[in-house]
C-alpha atoms as a PDB file:
ATOM      1  CA  GLY A   1      30.210  32.003  15.828  1.00  0.00           C
ATOM      2  CA  GLU A   2      29.509  33.500  12.515  1.00  0.00           C
ATOM      3  CA  LEU A   3      26.708  32.581  10.058  1.00  0.00           C
ATOM      4  CA  VAL A   4      28.476  31.203   6.945  1.00  0.00           C
ATOM      5  CA  ARG A   5      25.748  29.699   4.893  1.00  0.00           C
ATOM      6  CA  VAL A   6      21.981  29.159   4.977  1.00  0.00           C
ATOM      7  CA  LEU A   7      20.692  25.819   3.341  1.00  0.00           C
ATOM      8  CA  GLU A   8      17.805  26.256   1.051  1.00  0.00           C
ATOM      9  CA  GLY A   9      14.399  26.160   2.642  1.00  0.00           C
ATOM     10  CA  ALA A  10      11.184  24.440   1.852  1.00  0.00           C
ATOM     11  CA  GLY A  11      10.030  24.782  -1.754  1.00  0.00           C
ATOM     12  CA  ALA A  12      13.672  25.205  -2.971  1.00  0.00           C
ATOM     13  CA  GLY A  13      14.779  21.603  -2.563  1.00  0.00           C
ATOM     14  CA  GLY A  14      14.650  21.752   1.233  1.00  0.00           C
ATOM     15  CA  HIS A  15      12.712  19.962   3.878  1.00  0.00           C
ATOM     16  CA  GLN A  16       8.965  20.375   3.878  1.00  0.00           C
ATOM     17  CA  ASP A  17       8.739  20.046   7.707  1.00  0.00           C
ATOM     18  CA  ASN A  18      11.000  20.466  10.779  1.00  0.00           C
ATOM     19  CA  VAL A  19      14.542  19.353  10.531  1.00  0.00           C
ATOM     20  CA  LEU A  20      15.473  17.153  13.532  1.00  0.00           C
ATOM     21  CA  CYS A  21      19.073  16.174  12.893  1.00  0.00           C
ATOM     22  CA  ALA A  22      22.102  17.395  10.997  1.00  0.00           C
ATOM     23  CA  LEU A  23      25.660  16.389  10.586  1.00  0.00           C
ATOM     24  CA  PHE A  24      28.664  17.486   8.595  1.00  0.00           C
ATOM     25  CA  SER A  25      30.643  14.879   6.395  1.00  0.00           C
ATOM     26  CA  PRO A  26      34.049  14.036   7.713  1.00  0.00           C
ATOM     27  CA  ASP A  27      35.646  16.418   5.111  1.00  0.00           C
ATOM     28  CA  GLY A  28      33.138  19.193   5.813  1.00  0.00           C
ATOM     29  CA  SER A  29      31.969  19.471   2.196  1.00  0.00           C
ATOM     30  CA  THR A  30      28.530  18.041   2.651  1.00  0.00           C
ATOM     31  CA  ALA A  31      25.810  18.147   5.339  1.00  0.00           C
ATOM     32  CA  LEU A  32      23.318  15.369   6.019  1.00  0.00           C
ATOM     33  CA  THR A  33      19.940  16.275   7.461  1.00  0.00           C
ATOM     34  CA  GLY A  34      16.743  14.335   8.493  1.00  0.00           C
ATOM     35  CA  GLY A  35      13.284  15.663   9.212  1.00  0.00           C
ATOM     36  CA  GLN A  36       9.684  15.173   9.969  1.00  0.00           C
ATOM     37  CA  ASP A  37       8.939  15.077   6.259  1.00  0.00           C
ATOM     38  CA  LYS A  38      10.344  11.396   6.284  1.00  0.00           C
ATOM     39  CA  VAL A  39      13.310  12.422   4.042  1.00  0.00           C
ATOM     40  CA  ALA A  40      16.945  12.760   4.516  1.00  0.00           C
ATOM     41  CA  ARG A  41      18.898  15.156   2.390  1.00  0.00           C
ATOM     42  CA  LEU A  42      22.504  15.811   1.371  1.00  0.00           C
ATOM     43  CA  TRP A  43      23.498  19.364   1.053  1.00  0.00           C
ATOM     44  CA  ASP A  44      26.483  20.986  -0.721  1.00  0.00           C
ATOM     45  CA  VAL A  45      27.962  23.214   2.008  1.00  0.00           C
ATOM     46  CA  GLY A  46      29.747  25.450  -0.540  1.00  0.00           C
ATOM     47  CA  THR A  47      26.522  26.422  -2.390  1.00  0.00           C
ATOM     48  CA  GLY A  48      23.822  25.699   0.227  1.00  0.00           C
ATOM     49  CA  ARG A  49      21.819  23.651  -2.189  1.00  0.00           C
ATOM     50  CA  CYS A  50      20.393  20.256  -1.766  1.00  0.00           C
ATOM     51  CA  ALA A  51      22.430  17.689  -3.763  1.00  0.00           C
ATOM     52  CA  ALA A  52      20.258  14.662  -3.017  1.00  0.00           C
ATOM     53  CA  LYS A  53      16.867  13.801  -1.559  1.00  0.00           C
ATOM     54  CA  LEU A  54      16.968  10.286   0.005  1.00  0.00           C
ATOM     55  CA  GLU A  55      13.479   8.983   0.328  1.00  0.00           C
ATOM     56  CA  GLY A  56      12.179   5.543   1.549  1.00  0.00           C
ATOM     57  CA  HIS A  57      11.326   5.999   5.273  1.00  0.00           C
ATOM     58  CA  THR A  58       7.675   5.937   6.190  1.00  0.00           C
ATOM     59  CA  GLY A  59       8.298   7.838   9.545  1.00  0.00           C
ATOM     60  CA  THR A  60      10.146  10.836  10.710  1.00  0.00           C
ATOM     61  CA  VAL A  61      13.930  10.701  10.085  1.00  0.00           C
ATOM     62  CA  SER A  62      15.359  11.490  13.497  1.00  0.00           C
ATOM     63  CA  ALA A  63      18.956  10.213  13.256  1.00  0.00           C
ATOM     64  CA  VAL A  64      21.765  10.559  10.651  1.00  0.00           C
ATOM     65  CA  ALA A  65      25.415   9.426  10.722  1.00  0.00           C
ATOM     66  CA  TRP A  66      28.421   9.302   8.483  1.00  0.00           C
ATOM     67  CA  ALA A  67      30.972   6.531   8.359  1.00  0.00           C
ATOM     68  CA  PRO A  68      34.434   7.747   9.493  1.00  0.00           C
ATOM     69  CA  ASP A  69      35.698   7.424   5.806  1.00  0.00           C
ATOM     70  CA  GLY A  70      32.805   9.548   4.489  1.00  0.00           C
ATOM     71  CA  ARG A  71      31.844   6.924   1.982  1.00  0.00           C
ATOM     72  CA  HIS A  72      28.645   5.799   3.673  1.00  0.00           C
ATOM     73  CA  ILE A  73      25.694   7.190   5.580  1.00  0.00           C
ATOM     74  CA  VAL A  74      22.941   5.771   7.782  1.00  0.00           C
ATOM     75  CA  THR A  75      19.616   7.197   8.623  1.00  0.00           C
ATOM     76  CA  GLY A  76      17.283   6.198  11.471  1.00  0.00           C
ATOM     77  CA  SER A  77      13.534   6.697  11.471  1.00  0.00           C
ATOM     78  CA  HIS A  78      10.518   6.486  13.662  1.00  0.00           C
ATOM     79  CA  ASP A  79       9.364   3.718  11.263  1.00  0.00           C
ATOM     80  CA  ARG A  80      11.870   1.524  13.226  1.00  0.00           C
ATOM     81  CA  SER A  81      14.214   1.162  10.287  1.00  0.00           C
ATOM     82  CA  LEU A  82      17.849   2.087   9.410  1.00  0.00           C
ATOM     83  CA  LYS A  83      18.707   2.795   5.785  1.00  0.00           C
END
């Protein structure tokens, strides 16, 4: 494989701790990540920039998923919740 894009790191809109999960949207335009910083993030794959910071979990975000139609996401956390 070939490195195509690096997503912004900590301090530039990125995660402040380890990233534990990542998944592309069904159309490939967006990436969804979850990390030990208790936050999920949406990334614009074209620019590599964070498009949205999804807060609300009180524990590590260790699972992320897209609905097949790309309209919804779900995140799972060590706080025992899905959002």
